[in-house]
PDB file of N, CA and C in Angstrom:
ATOM      1  N   MET A   1     -98.518 -10.445   9.637  1.00  0.00           N
ATOM      2  CA  MET A   1     -97.627  -9.636   8.827  1.00  0.00           C
ATOM      3  C   MET A   1     -97.372  -8.322   9.561  1.00  0.00           C
ATOM      4  N   PRO A   2     -96.108  -7.935   9.681  1.00  0.00           N
ATOM      5  CA  PRO A   2     -95.792  -6.684  10.375  1.00  0.00           C
ATOM      6  C   PRO A   2     -96.391  -5.473   9.670  1.00  0.00           C
ATOM      7  N   LYS A   3     -96.670  -4.458  10.470  1.00  0.00           N
ATOM      8  CA  LYS A   3     -97.287  -3.248   9.926  1.00  0.00           C
ATOM      9  C   LYS A   3     -96.422  -2.616   8.839  1.00  0.00           C
ATOM     10  N   LYS A   4     -95.098  -2.657   9.025  1.00  0.00           N
ATOM     11  CA  LYS A   4     -94.193  -2.071   8.034  1.00  0.00           C
ATOM     12  C   LYS A   4     -94.378  -2.753   6.680  1.00  0.00           C
ATOM     13  N   GLN A   5     -94.519  -4.085   6.697  1.00  0.00           N
ATOM     14  CA  GLN A   5     -94.673  -4.821   5.448  1.00  0.00           C
ATOM     15  C   GLN A   5     -96.001  -4.488   4.782  1.00  0.00           C
ATOM     16  N   VAL A   6     -97.055  -4.327   5.574  1.00  0.00           N
ATOM     17  CA  VAL A   6     -98.360  -3.958   5.021  1.00  0.00           C
ATOM     18  C   VAL A   6     -98.265  -2.594   4.352  1.00  0.00           C
ATOM     19  N   THR A   7     -97.602  -1.656   5.008  1.00  0.00           N
ATOM     20  CA  THR A   7     -97.437  -0.315   4.443  1.00  0.00           C
ATOM     21  C   THR A   7     -96.645  -0.370   3.142  1.00  0.00           C
ATOM     22  N   LEU A   8     -95.564  -1.142   3.130  1.00  0.00           N
ATOM     23  CA  LEU A   8     -94.765  -1.257   1.908  1.00  0.00           C
ATOM     24  C   LEU A   8     -95.566  -1.911   0.788  1.00  0.00           C
ATOM     25  N   ASN A   9     -96.389  -2.901   1.135  1.00  0.00           N
ATOM     26  CA  ASN A   9     -97.229  -3.536   0.112  1.00  0.00           C
ATOM     27  C   ASN A   9     -98.204  -2.534  -0.487  1.00  0.00           C
ATOM     28  N   ARG A  10     -98.796  -1.712   0.348  1.00  0.00           N
ATOM     29  CA  ARG A  10     -99.731  -0.692  -0.153  1.00  0.00           C
ATOM     30  C   ARG A  10     -99.016   0.316  -1.043  1.00  0.00           C
ATOM     31  N   ILE A  11     -97.844   0.747  -0.609  1.00  0.00           N
ATOM     32  CA  ILE A  11     -97.075   1.701  -1.411  1.00  0.00           C
ATOM     33  C   ILE A  11     -96.710   1.072  -2.751  1.00  0.00           C
ATOM     34  N   ASP A  12     -96.276  -0.193  -2.733  1.00  0.00           N
ATOM     35  CA  ASP A  12     -95.904  -0.872  -3.976  1.00  0.00           C
ATOM     36  C   ASP A  12     -97.096  -1.005  -4.919  1.00  0.00           C
ATOM     37  N   LYS A  13     -98.270  -1.323  -4.375  1.00  0.00           N
ATOM     38  CA  LYS A  13     -99.475  -1.420  -5.213  1.00  0.00           C
ATOM     39  C   LYS A  13     -99.813  -0.066  -5.828  1.00  0.00           C
ATOM     40  N   ASN A  14     -99.700   0.981  -5.034  1.00  0.00           N
ATOM     41  CA  ASN A  14     -99.980   2.323  -5.554  1.00  0.00           C
ATOM     42  C   ASN A  14     -98.951   2.738  -6.604  1.00  0.00           C
ATOM     43  N   LEU A  15     -97.691   2.388  -6.373  1.00  0.00           N
ATOM     44  CA  LEU A  15     -96.658   2.685  -7.373  1.00  0.00           C
ATOM     45  C   LEU A  15     -96.959   1.971  -8.688  1.00  0.00           C
ATOM     46  N   ALA A  16     -97.391   0.718  -8.595  1.00  0.00           N
ATOM     47  CA  ALA A  16     -97.721  -0.039  -9.804  1.00  0.00           C
ATOM     48  C   ALA A  16     -98.902   0.588 -10.528  1.00  0.00           C
ATOM     49  N   THR A  17     -99.897   1.030  -9.782  1.00  0.00           N
ATOM     50  CA  THR A  17    -101.066   1.666 -10.385  1.00  0.00           C
ATOM     51  C   THR A  17    -100.680   2.959 -11.096  1.00  0.00           C
ATOM     52  N   ILE A  18     -99.863   3.769 -10.441  1.00  0.00           N
ATOM     53  CA  ILE A  18     -99.438   5.031 -11.054  1.00  0.00           C
ATOM     54  C   ILE A  18     -98.545   4.767 -12.266  1.00  0.00           C
ATOM     55  N   ALA A  19     -97.673   3.758 -12.175  1.00  0.00           N
ATOM     56  CA  ALA A  19     -96.816   3.418 -13.317  1.00  0.00           C
ATOM     57  C   ALA A  19     -97.664   2.991 -14.510  1.00  0.00           C
ATOM     58  N   GLU A  20     -98.712   2.237 -14.245  1.00  0.00           N
ATOM     59  CA  GLU A  20     -99.623   1.839 -15.322  1.00  0.00           C
ATOM     60  C   GLU A  20    -100.318   3.062 -15.908  1.00  0.00           C
ATOM     61  N   GLY A  21    -100.734   3.981 -15.039  1.00  0.00           N
ATOM     62  CA  GLY A  21    -101.365   5.215 -15.503  1.00  0.00           C
ATOM     63  C   GLY A  21    -100.425   6.057 -16.351  1.00  0.00           C
ATOM     64  N   ILE A  22     -99.148   6.082 -15.973  1.00  0.00           N
ATOM     65  CA  ILE A  22     -98.160   6.847 -16.741  1.00  0.00           C
ATOM     66  C   ILE A  22     -98.000   6.256 -18.134  1.00  0.00           C
ATOM     67  N   THR A  23     -97.983   4.924 -18.227  1.00  0.00           N
ATOM     68  CA  THR A  23     -97.799   4.299 -19.541  1.00  0.00           C
ATOM     69  C   THR A  23     -99.054   4.395 -20.397  1.00  0.00           C
ATOM     70  N   LEU A  24    -100.227   4.306 -19.776  1.00  0.00           N
ATOM     71  CA  LEU A  24    -101.477   4.361 -20.543  1.00  0.00           C
ATOM     72  C   LEU A  24    -101.879   5.781 -20.915  1.00  0.00           C
ATOM     73  N   HIS A  25    -101.567   6.729 -20.057  1.00  0.00           N
ATOM     74  CA  HIS A  25    -101.978   8.122 -20.262  1.00  0.00           C
ATOM     75  C   HIS A  25    -100.777   9.047 -20.079  1.00  0.00           C
ATOM     76  N   PRO A  26     -99.858   9.051 -21.027  1.00  0.00           N
ATOM     77  CA  PRO A  26     -98.659   9.890 -20.865  1.00  0.00           C
ATOM     78  C   PRO A  26     -98.964  11.387 -20.847  1.00  0.00           C
ATOM     79  N   ASP A  27    -100.160  11.773 -21.306  1.00  0.00           N
ATOM     80  CA  ASP A  27    -100.518  13.193 -21.301  1.00  0.00           C
ATOM     81  C   ASP A  27    -100.824  13.703 -19.893  1.00  0.00           C
ATOM     82  N   LEU A  28    -101.168  12.799 -18.973  1.00  0.00           N
ATOM     83  CA  LEU A  28    -101.395  13.198 -17.585  1.00  0.00           C
ATOM     84  C   LEU A  28    -100.050  13.310 -16.875  1.00  0.00           C
ATOM     85  N   ASP A  29     -99.920  14.292 -16.033  1.00  0.00           N
ATOM     86  CA  ASP A  29     -98.657  14.490 -15.319  1.00  0.00           C
ATOM     87  C   ASP A  29     -98.713  13.748 -13.983  1.00  0.00           C
ATOM     88  N   LEU A  30     -98.423  12.446 -14.032  1.00  0.00           N
ATOM     89  CA  LEU A  30     -98.475  11.618 -12.829  1.00  0.00           C
ATOM     90  C   LEU A  30     -97.105  11.414 -12.185  1.00  0.00           C
ATOM     91  N   TRP A  31     -96.061  11.934 -12.820  1.00  0.00           N
ATOM     92  CA  TRP A  31     -94.717  11.737 -12.288  1.00  0.00           C
ATOM     93  C   TRP A  31     -94.520  12.298 -10.879  1.00  0.00           C
ATOM     94  N   PRO A  32     -95.067  13.459 -10.532  1.00  0.00           N
ATOM     95  CA  PRO A  32     -94.868  13.945  -9.153  1.00  0.00           C
ATOM     96  C   PRO A  32     -95.420  12.975  -8.105  1.00  0.00           C
ATOM     97  N   TYR A  33     -96.549  12.331  -8.402  1.00  0.00           N
ATOM     98  CA  TYR A  33     -97.122  11.362  -7.464  1.00  0.00           C
ATOM     99  C   TYR A  33     -96.237  10.123  -7.360  1.00  0.00           C
ATOM    100  N   PHE A  34     -95.708   9.696  -8.502  1.00  0.00           N
ATOM    101  CA  PHE A  34     -94.808   8.543  -8.525  1.00  0.00           C
ATOM    102  C   PHE A  34     -93.557   8.833  -7.699  1.00  0.00           C
ATOM    103  N   ASP A  35     -92.973  10.005  -7.901  1.00  0.00           N
ATOM    104  CA  ASP A  35     -91.770  10.392  -7.155  1.00  0.00           C
ATOM    105  C   ASP A  35     -92.047  10.486  -5.661  1.00  0.00           C
ATOM    106  N   LEU A  36     -93.204  11.018  -5.309  1.00  0.00           N
ATOM    107  CA  LEU A  36     -93.580  11.146  -3.902  1.00  0.00           C
ATOM    108  C   LEU A  36     -93.700   9.777  -3.239  1.00  0.00           C
ATOM    109  N   LEU A  37     -94.355   8.840  -3.920  1.00  0.00           N
ATOM    110  CA  LEU A  37     -94.503   7.499  -3.358  1.00  0.00           C
ATOM    111  C   LEU A  37     -93.167   6.768  -3.276  1.00  0.00           C
ATOM    112  N   GLU A  38     -92.302   6.965  -4.256  1.00  0.00           N
ATOM    113  CA  GLU A  38     -90.974   6.344  -4.190  1.00  0.00           C
ATOM    114  C   GLU A  38     -90.189   6.875  -2.996  1.00  0.00           C
ATOM    115  N   ALA A  39     -90.295   8.161  -2.738  1.00  0.00           N
ATOM    116  CA  ALA A  39     -89.612   8.749  -1.581  1.00  0.00           C
ATOM    117  C   ALA A  39     -90.193   8.198  -0.282  1.00  0.00           C
ATOM    118  N   GLU A  40     -91.496   8.032  -0.236  1.00  0.00           N
ATOM    119  CA  GLU A  40     -92.152   7.477   0.955  1.00  0.00           C
ATOM    120  C   GLU A  40     -91.711   6.033   1.185  1.00  0.00           C
ATOM    121  N   ARG A  41     -91.602   5.270   0.107  1.00  0.00           N
ATOM    122  CA  ARG A  41     -91.152   3.877   0.210  1.00  0.00           C
ATOM    123  C   ARG A  41     -89.724   3.819   0.742  1.00  0.00           C
ATOM    124  N   GLN A  42     -88.864   4.679   0.222  1.00  0.00           N
ATOM    125  CA  GLN A  42     -87.472   4.703   0.673  1.00  0.00           C
ATOM    126  C   GLN A  42     -87.381   5.100   2.141  1.00  0.00           C
ATOM    127  N   LYS A  43     -88.242   6.013   2.565  1.00  0.00           N
ATOM    128  CA  LYS A  43     -88.250   6.440   3.961  1.00  0.00           C
ATOM    129  C   LYS A  43     -88.599   5.266   4.875  1.00  0.00           C
ATOM    130  N   HIS A  44     -89.561   4.446   4.467  1.00  0.00           N
ATOM    131  CA  HIS A  44     -89.941   3.284   5.271  1.00  0.00           C
ATOM    132  C   HIS A  44     -88.821   2.250   5.306  1.00  0.00           C
ATOM    133  N   LEU A  45     -88.100   2.100   4.207  1.00  0.00           N
ATOM    134  CA  LEU A  45     -87.004   1.133   4.178  1.00  0.00           C
ATOM    135  C   LEU A  45     -85.826   1.592   5.023  1.00  0.00           C
ATOM    136  N   ASP A  46     -85.636   2.896   5.147  1.00  0.00           N
ATOM    137  CA  ASP A  46     -84.499   3.447   5.884  1.00  0.00           C
ATOM    138  C   ASP A  46     -84.763   3.611   7.379  1.00  0.00           C
ATOM    139  N   ARG A  47     -85.951   3.330   7.846  1.00  0.00           N
ATOM    140  CA  ARG A  47     -86.271   3.581   9.256  1.00  0.00           C
ATOM    141  C   ARG A  47     -85.330   2.887  10.235  1.00  0.00           C
ATOM    142  N   PRO A  48     -85.002   1.604  10.063  1.00  0.00           N
ATOM    143  CA  PRO A  48     -84.079   0.989  11.036  1.00  0.00           C
ATOM    144  C   PRO A  48     -82.725   1.698  11.084  1.00  0.00           C
ATOM    145  N   ASN A  49     -82.220   2.113   9.931  1.00  0.00           N
ATOM    146  CA  ASN A  49     -80.933   2.819   9.902  1.00  0.00           C
ATOM    147  C   ASN A  49     -81.041   4.175  10.573  1.00  0.00           C
ATOM    148  N   ARG A  50     -82.137   4.876  10.352  1.00  0.00           N
ATOM    149  CA  ARG A  50     -82.328   6.184  10.979  1.00  0.00           C
ATOM    150  C   ARG A  50     -82.442   6.041  12.489  1.00  0.00           C
ATOM    151  N   LEU A  51     -83.082   4.964  12.950  1.00  0.00           N
ATOM    152  CA  LEU A  51     -83.212   4.720  14.384  1.00  0.00           C
ATOM    153  C   LEU A  51     -81.835   4.468  15.002  1.00  0.00           C
ATOM    154  N   LYS A  52     -81.014   3.652  14.351  1.00  0.00           N
ATOM    155  CA  LYS A  52     -79.666   3.377  14.856  1.00  0.00           C
ATOM    156  C   LYS A  52     -78.841   4.655  14.920  1.00  0.00           C
ATOM    157  N   GLU A  53     -78.933   5.482  13.899  1.00  0.00           N
ATOM    158  CA  GLU A  53     -78.186   6.742  13.885  1.00  0.00           C
ATOM    159  C   GLU A  53     -78.620   7.649  15.030  1.00  0.00           C
ATOM    160  N   ALA A  54     -79.913   7.703  15.289  1.00  0.00           N
ATOM    161  CA  ALA A  54     -80.419   8.544  16.378  1.00  0.00           C
ATOM    162  C   ALA A  54     -79.930   8.025  17.727  1.00  0.00           C
ATOM    163  N   LEU A  55     -79.928   6.714  17.902  1.00  0.00           N
ATOM    164  CA  LEU A  55     -79.449   6.141  19.163  1.00  0.00           C
ATOM    165  C   LEU A  55     -77.953   6.390  19.342  1.00  0.00           C
ATOM    166  N   ASN A  56     -77.201   6.340  18.273  1.00  0.00           N
ATOM    167  CA  ASN A  56     -75.762   6.610  18.361  1.00  0.00           C
ATOM    168  C   ASN A  56     -75.483   8.065  18.711  1.00  0.00           C
ATOM    169  N   ARG A  57     -76.317   8.971  18.259  1.00  0.00           N
ATOM    170  CA  ARG A  57     -76.132  10.390  18.584  1.00  0.00           C
ATOM    171  C   ARG A  57     -76.380  10.647  20.065  1.00  0.00           C
ATOM    172  N   VAL A  58     -77.259   9.864  20.680  1.00  0.00           N
ATOM    173  CA  VAL A  58     -77.584  10.059  22.090  1.00  0.00           C
ATOM    174  C   VAL A  58     -76.445   9.579  22.977  1.00  0.00           C
ATOM    175  N   LYS A  59     -75.728   8.556  22.539  1.00  0.00           N
ATOM    176  CA  LYS A  59     -74.647   7.982  23.361  1.00  0.00           C
ATOM    177  C   LYS A  59     -73.513   8.932  23.555  1.00  0.00           C
TER     178      LYS A  59
END
């Protein structure tokens, strides 16, 4: 399994854990952690596009 997929799997598991925590304990402020992990997940998904953009800027 590629390293990127392993990282995404870990992020997804952590997102699920935090989402469960948000539903079970709404008094805890877990939303900033959830938002941070979602941003990290999106960053990993966008890496190929960011690489292509960087290569195009060099040309």
